[in-house]
C-alpha atoms as a PDB file:
ATOM      1  CA  MET A   1      21.647 -12.649  -9.586  1.00  0.00           C
ATOM      2  CA  ALA A   2      20.782  -9.538 -11.565  1.00  0.00           C
ATOM      3  CA  SER A   3      19.917  -6.489  -9.552  1.00  0.00           C
ATOM      4  CA  THR A   4      18.281  -3.364 -10.874  1.00  0.00           C
ATOM      5  CA  LYS A   5      20.747  -0.490 -10.911  1.00  0.00           C
ATOM      6  CA  ILE A   6      19.279   2.855  -9.980  1.00  0.00           C
ATOM      7  CA  GLU A   7      21.579   5.779 -10.648  1.00  0.00           C
ATOM      8  CA  THR A   8      20.249   8.817  -8.860  1.00  0.00           C
ATOM      9  CA  VAL A   9      21.706  11.476  -6.666  1.00  0.00           C
ATOM     10  CA  THR A  10      20.315  11.563  -3.176  1.00  0.00           C
ATOM     11  CA  GLY A  11      19.912  14.869  -1.547  1.00  0.00           C
ATOM     12  CA  THR A  12      17.548  17.628  -0.686  1.00  0.00           C
ATOM     13  CA  ALA A  13      15.544  17.242  -3.882  1.00  0.00           C
ATOM     14  CA  ASP A  14      14.568  13.664  -3.046  1.00  0.00           C
ATOM     15  CA  LYS A  15      13.640  14.581   0.515  1.00  0.00           C
ATOM     16  CA  LEU A  16      11.584  17.452  -0.835  1.00  0.00           C
ATOM     17  CA  LYS A  17       9.783  15.133  -3.273  1.00  0.00           C
ATOM     18  CA  VAL A  18       8.853  12.741  -0.467  1.00  0.00           C
ATOM     19  CA  ALA A  19       7.697  15.666   1.686  1.00  0.00           C
ATOM     20  CA  VAL A  20       5.611  17.060  -1.190  1.00  0.00           C
ATOM     21  CA  GLY A  21       4.083  13.602  -1.706  1.00  0.00           C
ATOM     22  CA  GLY A  22       3.158  13.420   1.971  1.00  0.00           C
ATOM     23  CA  ALA A  23       1.749  16.949   1.851  1.00  0.00           C
ATOM     24  CA  LEU A  24      -0.347  16.006  -1.169  1.00  0.00           C
ATOM     25  CA  VAL A  25      -1.778  13.024   0.721  1.00  0.00           C
ATOM     26  CA  LEU A  26      -2.719  15.319   3.591  1.00  0.00           C
ATOM     27  CA  ALA A  27      -4.169  17.807   1.089  1.00  0.00           C
ATOM     28  CA  ALA A  28      -6.238  15.008  -0.459  1.00  0.00           C
ATOM     29  CA  VAL A  29      -7.766  14.105   2.891  1.00  0.00           C
ATOM     30  CA  ALA A  30      -8.321  17.760   3.805  1.00  0.00           C
ATOM     31  CA  ALA A  31      -9.920  18.490   0.425  1.00  0.00           C
ATOM     32  CA  TYR A  32     -12.225  15.513   0.795  1.00  0.00           C
ATOM     33  CA  TYR A  33     -13.577  16.769   4.101  1.00  0.00           C
ATOM     34  CA  LEU A  34     -13.565  20.475   3.260  1.00  0.00           C
ATOM     35  CA  LEU A  35     -15.472  19.926   0.016  1.00  0.00           C
ATOM     36  CA  GLY A  36     -18.215  17.919   1.722  1.00  0.00           C
ATOM     37  CA  SER A  37     -20.787  20.624   1.115  1.00  0.00           C
ATOM     38  CA  GLU A  38     -19.853  20.962  -2.585  1.00  0.00           C
ATOM     39  CA  GLY A  39     -20.994  17.474  -3.559  1.00  0.00           C
ATOM     40  CA  ALA A  40     -19.676  13.947  -3.610  1.00  0.00           C
ATOM     41  CA  LEU A  41     -18.328  14.118  -7.162  1.00  0.00           C
ATOM     42  CA  LEU A  42     -16.079  17.086  -6.417  1.00  0.00           C
ATOM     43  CA  GLN A  43     -14.941  15.430  -3.173  1.00  0.00           C
ATOM     44  CA  TRP A  44     -13.864  12.259  -4.929  1.00  0.00           C
ATOM     45  CA  VAL A  45     -12.231  14.072  -7.849  1.00  0.00           C
ATOM     46  CA  ALA A  46     -10.163  16.187  -5.441  1.00  0.00           C
ATOM     47  CA  LEU A  47      -9.253  13.172  -3.314  1.00  0.00           C
ATOM     48  CA  LEU A  48      -8.253  10.916  -6.216  1.00  0.00           C
ATOM     49  CA  GLY A  49      -6.517  13.718  -8.106  1.00  0.00           C
ATOM     50  CA  CYS A  50      -4.327  14.651  -5.140  1.00  0.00           C
ATOM     51  CA  LEU A  51      -3.563  10.997  -4.376  1.00  0.00           C
ATOM     52  CA  VAL A  52      -2.544  10.262  -7.975  1.00  0.00           C
ATOM     53  CA  LEU A  53      -0.354  13.367  -7.985  1.00  0.00           C
ATOM     54  CA  ALA A  54       1.212  12.290  -4.669  1.00  0.00           C
ATOM     55  CA  VAL A  55       2.012   8.840  -6.078  1.00  0.00           C
ATOM     56  CA  VAL A  56       3.572  10.357  -9.219  1.00  0.00           C
ATOM     57  CA  VAL A  57       5.709  12.734  -7.150  1.00  0.00           C
ATOM     58  CA  PHE A  58       6.768   9.913  -4.800  1.00  0.00           C
ATOM     59  CA  PHE A  59       7.800   7.596  -7.627  1.00  0.00           C
ATOM     60  CA  THR A  60      10.072  10.292  -9.087  1.00  0.00           C
ATOM     61  CA  SER A  61      12.078  10.345  -5.837  1.00  0.00           C
ATOM     62  CA  LEU A  62      14.896   7.971  -4.930  1.00  0.00           C
ATOM     63  CA  HIS A  63      12.720   6.059  -2.475  1.00  0.00           C
ATOM     64  CA  GLY A  64      10.038   5.612  -5.126  1.00  0.00           C
ATOM     65  CA  LYS A  65      12.554   4.348  -7.679  1.00  0.00           C
ATOM     66  CA  GLN A  66      13.988   1.950  -5.103  1.00  0.00           C
ATOM     67  CA  LEU A  67      10.473   0.704  -4.360  1.00  0.00           C
ATOM     68  CA  LEU A  68       9.837   0.114  -8.056  1.00  0.00           C
ATOM     69  CA  GLY A  69      13.178  -1.693  -8.380  1.00  0.00           C
ATOM     70  CA  PHE A  70      12.335  -3.870  -5.385  1.00  0.00           C
ATOM     71  CA  GLY A  71       8.955  -4.697  -6.902  1.00  0.00           C
ATOM     72  CA  GLN A  72      10.531  -5.646 -10.227  1.00  0.00           C
ATOM     73  CA  ASP A  73      13.137  -7.850  -8.507  1.00  0.00           C
ATOM     74  CA  SER A  74      10.441  -9.482  -6.396  1.00  0.00           C
ATOM     75  CA  TRP A  75       8.288 -10.209  -9.429  1.00  0.00           C
ATOM     76  CA  ARG A  76      11.303 -11.715 -11.216  1.00  0.00           C
ATOM     77  CA  GLU A  77      11.906 -14.011  -8.228  1.00  0.00           C
ATOM     78  CA  VAL A  78       8.238 -15.051  -8.043  1.00  0.00           C
ATOM     79  CA  LYS A  79       8.453 -16.141 -11.681  1.00  0.00           C
ATOM     80  CA  LYS A  80      11.291 -18.511 -10.722  1.00  0.00           C
ATOM     81  CA  VAL A  81       9.208 -20.358  -8.122  1.00  0.00           C
ATOM     82  CA  VAL A  82       8.282 -23.925  -9.025  1.00  0.00           C
ATOM     83  CA  TRP A  83       4.767 -24.412  -7.717  1.00  0.00           C
ATOM     84  CA  PRO A  84       3.632 -27.889  -6.614  1.00  0.00           C
ATOM     85  CA  THR A  85       1.149 -29.834  -8.691  1.00  0.00           C
ATOM     86  CA  ARG A  86      -2.349 -30.568  -7.423  1.00  0.00           C
ATOM     87  CA  LYS A  87      -1.342 -34.141  -6.597  1.00  0.00           C
ATOM     88  CA  GLU A  88       1.690 -32.994  -4.596  1.00  0.00           C
ATOM     89  CA  SER A  89      -0.414 -30.429  -2.723  1.00  0.00           C
ATOM     90  CA  LEU A  90      -3.033 -33.034  -1.798  1.00  0.00           C
ATOM     91  CA  GLN A  91      -0.343 -35.498  -0.674  1.00  0.00           C
ATOM     92  CA  MET A  92       1.377 -32.923   1.539  1.00  0.00           C
ATOM     93  CA  THR A  93      -1.982 -31.874   2.996  1.00  0.00           C
ATOM     94  CA  ALA A  94      -2.765 -35.516   3.796  1.00  0.00           C
ATOM     95  CA  TYR A  95       0.648 -35.887   5.475  1.00  0.00           C
ATOM     96  CA  VAL A  96      -0.009 -32.828   7.614  1.00  0.00           C
ATOM     97  CA  PHE A  97      -3.473 -34.014   8.657  1.00  0.00           C
ATOM     98  CA  GLY A  98      -2.076 -37.478   9.434  1.00  0.00           C
ATOM     99  CA  PHE A  99       0.713 -36.019  11.555  1.00  0.00           C
ATOM    100  CA  VAL A 100      -1.734 -33.768  13.412  1.00  0.00           C
ATOM    101  CA  PHE A 101      -4.010 -36.721  14.122  1.00  0.00           C
ATOM    102  CA  ILE A 102      -1.130 -38.884  15.408  1.00  0.00           C
ATOM    103  CA  MET A 103       0.217 -36.024  17.539  1.00  0.00           C
ATOM    104  CA  ALA A 104      -3.241 -35.337  18.999  1.00  0.00           C
ATOM    105  CA  LEU A 105      -3.631 -39.023  19.838  1.00  0.00           C
ATOM    106  CA  PHE A 106      -0.168 -39.093  21.438  1.00  0.00           C
ATOM    107  CA  LEU A 107      -0.878 -35.990  23.530  1.00  0.00           C
ATOM    108  CA  TRP A 108      -4.276 -37.324  24.608  1.00  0.00           C
ATOM    109  CA  LEU A 109      -2.735 -40.641  25.665  1.00  0.00           C
ATOM    110  CA  THR A 110       0.064 -38.844  27.519  1.00  0.00           C
ATOM    111  CA  ASP A 111      -2.464 -36.646  29.318  1.00  0.00           C
ATOM    112  CA  LYS A 112      -4.628 -39.585  30.337  1.00  0.00           C
ATOM    113  CA  THR A 113      -1.574 -41.589  31.476  1.00  0.00           C
ATOM    114  CA  LEU A 114      -0.291 -38.715  33.621  1.00  0.00           C
ATOM    115  CA  GLU A 115      -3.790 -38.151  34.992  1.00  0.00           C
ATOM    116  CA  TRP A 116      -4.014 -41.826  35.962  1.00  0.00           C
ATOM    117  CA  VAL A 117      -0.514 -41.813  37.510  1.00  0.00           C
ATOM    118  CA  PHE A 118      -1.006 -38.657  39.556  1.00  0.00           C
ATOM    119  CA  TYR A 119      -4.638 -38.911  40.603  1.00  0.00           C
ATOM    120  CA  ASP A 120      -5.154 -42.667  40.915  1.00  0.00           C
ATOM    121  CA  LEU A 121      -1.746 -44.074  41.876  1.00  0.00           C
ATOM    122  CA  ILE A 122       0.020 -41.271  43.764  1.00  0.00           C
ATOM    123  CA  LEU A 123      -2.835 -39.291  45.347  1.00  0.00           C
ATOM    124  CA  GLY A 124      -5.406 -42.082  45.460  1.00  0.00           C
ATOM    125  CA  TRP A 125      -8.250 -39.882  44.260  1.00  0.00           C
ATOM    126  CA  LYS A 126     -10.521 -42.440  42.659  1.00  0.00           C
ATOM    127  CA  LYS A 127     -13.275 -41.122  40.488  1.00  0.00           C
END
C-alpha cells in the first residue's frame, strides 16, 4: 500500500498559517456584511477573494498538505473499487425486497399469533 509522504516541519509557522486562514475566513464574512452598502458586486468579490486566499494559505500548511494527501489516497482507493454490474445490482435489490417481504410476513404472523394467544386463550377477551 503506497502512502503519500509529506516532508514538512511542524511548528509555529504551520499554526500561524492555519490561524491566518481562519482569520481570512472571518474577514471574508465581515467584509461581505460591511460592504453591503457598496454594492453586491464588491461584496461578492471581497467574500470570494478572501475565501480563495484563505484556502491557499491553509493548503500551504501541514494540515492542508495532509488533507491533500488524504484526498489523493482516497481517490486512489476509489479507483480500485469493483462496482457491480446492472444485473448484479438488480438481483441484490430483488433479494433485499424478498427478504423484507418474508420478514414482514413473519413478524405479522408472530404478532397475530401472540395476540390470539394472549387475548383469546389466556385472557378470554373475545372480539
